[in-house]
Amino acid sequence: EFSSSMETVGEVVGSVTVEVVKVGENERPVGVILSTLNGTAFAPGDYTAQEQLLTFNTSDASPSVAIAIARDGLVEAEEAFGAVLSVPEGEGGVELGTLREATVTITDSDC
């Protein structure tokens, strides 16, 4: 599951880190897919879209993914995009925690 359901980042920062935490124990390496979804922020103009397989080995606790944020030079309101976790096809026995979706809000740095 995600470590937080919401992240906020200034456009000027250049990236946001989204952390995924393992809930429970696993006896073998397991994977989840992190994907981004357009909201009021759109890829590639506002951020770099992601679809990434995250693998948890038996001792791993919390991998993180850095998502690039674009500085577009436009004066605009806050924008947001989503990140979701899913189970890859064929990855039986993996259960996602309760925080399967997160929202990333981009604050404007050009005002």
Protein backbone atom coordinates (compact mmCIF):
# COMPACT_ATOMS: atom_id res chain seq x y z
CA GLU A 1 0.00 0.00 0.00
CA PHE A 2 1.04 3.63 -0.30
CA SER A 3 2.59 5.19 2.80
CA SER A 4 0.31 8.23 2.32
CA SER A 5 -2.85 8.89 0.34
CA MET A 6 -1.71 12.42 -0.59
CA GLU A 7 1.53 14.11 -1.60
CA THR A 8 2.06 17.77 -2.49
CA VAL A 9 4.99 19.07 -4.51
CA GLY A 10 6.00 22.44 -5.90
CA GLU A 11 6.49 22.51 -9.65
CA VAL A 12 9.98 23.97 -9.19
CA VAL A 13 11.11 20.96 -7.09
CA GLY A 14 11.28 18.76 -10.19
CA SER A 15 10.09 15.44 -8.76
CA VAL A 16 7.97 13.82 -6.09
CA THR A 17 8.77 10.57 -4.31
CA VAL A 18 5.93 8.15 -3.71
CA GLU A 19 6.61 5.43 -1.15
CA VAL A 20 5.01 1.98 -1.15
CA VAL A 21 5.11 -0.08 2.03
CA LYS A 22 4.78 -3.81 2.47
CA VAL A 23 2.01 -4.99 4.75
CA GLY A 24 2.48 -8.41 6.30
CA GLU A 25 5.08 -11.04 5.50
CA ASN A 26 5.87 -12.81 2.26
CA GLU A 27 7.70 -16.09 1.85
CA ARG A 28 8.82 -15.32 -1.70
CA PRO A 29 9.44 -12.18 -3.74
CA VAL A 30 6.16 -10.53 -4.78
CA GLY A 31 5.38 -7.67 -7.10
CA VAL A 32 2.88 -4.84 -7.49
CA ILE A 33 2.44 -2.40 -10.33
CA LEU A 34 2.46 1.35 -9.69
CA SER A 35 0.69 3.32 -12.43
CA THR A 36 -0.10 7.02 -12.74
CA LEU A 37 -3.41 8.42 -14.00
CA ASN A 38 -4.17 11.84 -15.42
CA GLY A 39 -6.40 14.09 -13.36
CA THR A 40 -6.26 17.87 -13.73
CA ALA A 41 -2.52 17.35 -14.32
CA PHE A 42 -1.68 15.60 -17.59
CA ALA A 43 1.37 13.63 -18.71
CA PRO A 44 3.72 14.57 -20.28
CA GLY A 45 3.06 18.31 -19.92
CA ASP A 46 2.81 18.31 -16.12
CA TYR A 47 4.51 15.08 -15.00
CA THR A 48 6.11 11.93 -16.43
CA ALA A 49 3.70 9.00 -16.54
CA GLN A 50 4.77 5.81 -14.77
CA GLU A 51 3.88 2.16 -15.02
CA GLN A 52 6.44 0.32 -12.98
CA LEU A 53 6.73 -3.13 -11.43
CA LEU A 54 7.90 -2.92 -7.82
CA THR A 55 9.31 -6.14 -6.39
CA PHE A 56 9.32 -6.87 -2.68
CA ASN A 57 11.90 -9.45 -1.64
CA THR A 58 11.22 -11.18 1.65
CA SER A 59 13.18 -8.56 3.62
CA ASP A 60 12.14 -5.43 1.66
CA ALA A 61 9.90 -2.98 3.46
CA SER A 62 9.32 0.14 1.37
CA PRO A 63 10.49 0.84 -2.17
CA SER A 64 9.88 4.33 -3.50
CA VAL A 65 9.35 5.75 -6.97
CA ALA A 66 10.45 9.21 -8.08
CA ILE A 67 8.02 10.83 -10.52
CA ALA A 68 9.37 13.74 -12.56
CA ILE A 69 7.38 16.99 -12.42
CA ALA A 70 7.55 19.34 -15.43
CA ARG A 71 8.04 23.06 -14.96
CA ASP A 72 5.83 24.37 -17.75
CA GLY A 73 6.24 28.12 -17.23
CA LEU A 74 2.47 28.69 -17.12
CA VAL A 75 0.63 30.51 -14.34
CA GLU A 76 -2.08 28.06 -13.31
CA ALA A 77 -4.05 26.67 -10.40
CA GLU A 78 -2.97 23.58 -8.48
CA GLU A 79 -3.18 20.41 -10.54
CA ALA A 80 -3.35 16.79 -9.45
CA PHE A 81 -2.77 13.30 -10.81
CA GLY A 82 -3.33 9.87 -9.34
CA ALA A 83 -1.16 6.88 -8.58
CA VAL A 84 -2.64 3.41 -8.20
CA LEU A 85 -1.34 0.00 -7.18
CA SER A 86 -2.43 -3.22 -8.84
CA VAL A 87 -1.43 -6.86 -8.79
CA PRO A 88 0.37 -8.12 -11.91
CA GLU A 89 -1.24 -10.93 -13.85
CA GLY A 90 -0.04 -14.28 -12.54
CA GLU A 91 1.01 -12.88 -9.14
CA GLY A 92 -1.38 -15.05 -7.13
CA GLY A 93 -1.62 -14.66 -3.38
CA VAL A 94 -0.69 -10.96 -3.32
CA GLU A 95 -3.08 -8.81 -1.32
CA LEU A 96 -2.96 -5.05 -1.54
CA GLY A 97 -3.36 -2.96 1.60
CA THR A 98 -6.08 -0.36 2.07
CA LEU A 99 -4.16 2.59 0.55
CA ARG A 100 -4.23 1.45 -3.08
CA GLU A 101 -4.66 4.96 -4.50
CA ALA A 102 -2.81 8.19 -3.87
CA THR A 103 -3.19 11.74 -5.16
CA VAL A 104 -0.24 13.97 -6.02
CA THR A 105 -0.96 17.72 -6.05
CA ILE A 106 1.37 20.02 -7.99
CA THR A 107 1.49 23.59 -6.75
CA ASP A 108 2.36 26.27 -9.28
CA SER A 109 5.76 27.94 -9.02
CA ASP A 110 5.19 30.47 -11.81
CA CYS A 111 2.81 32.88 -10.02
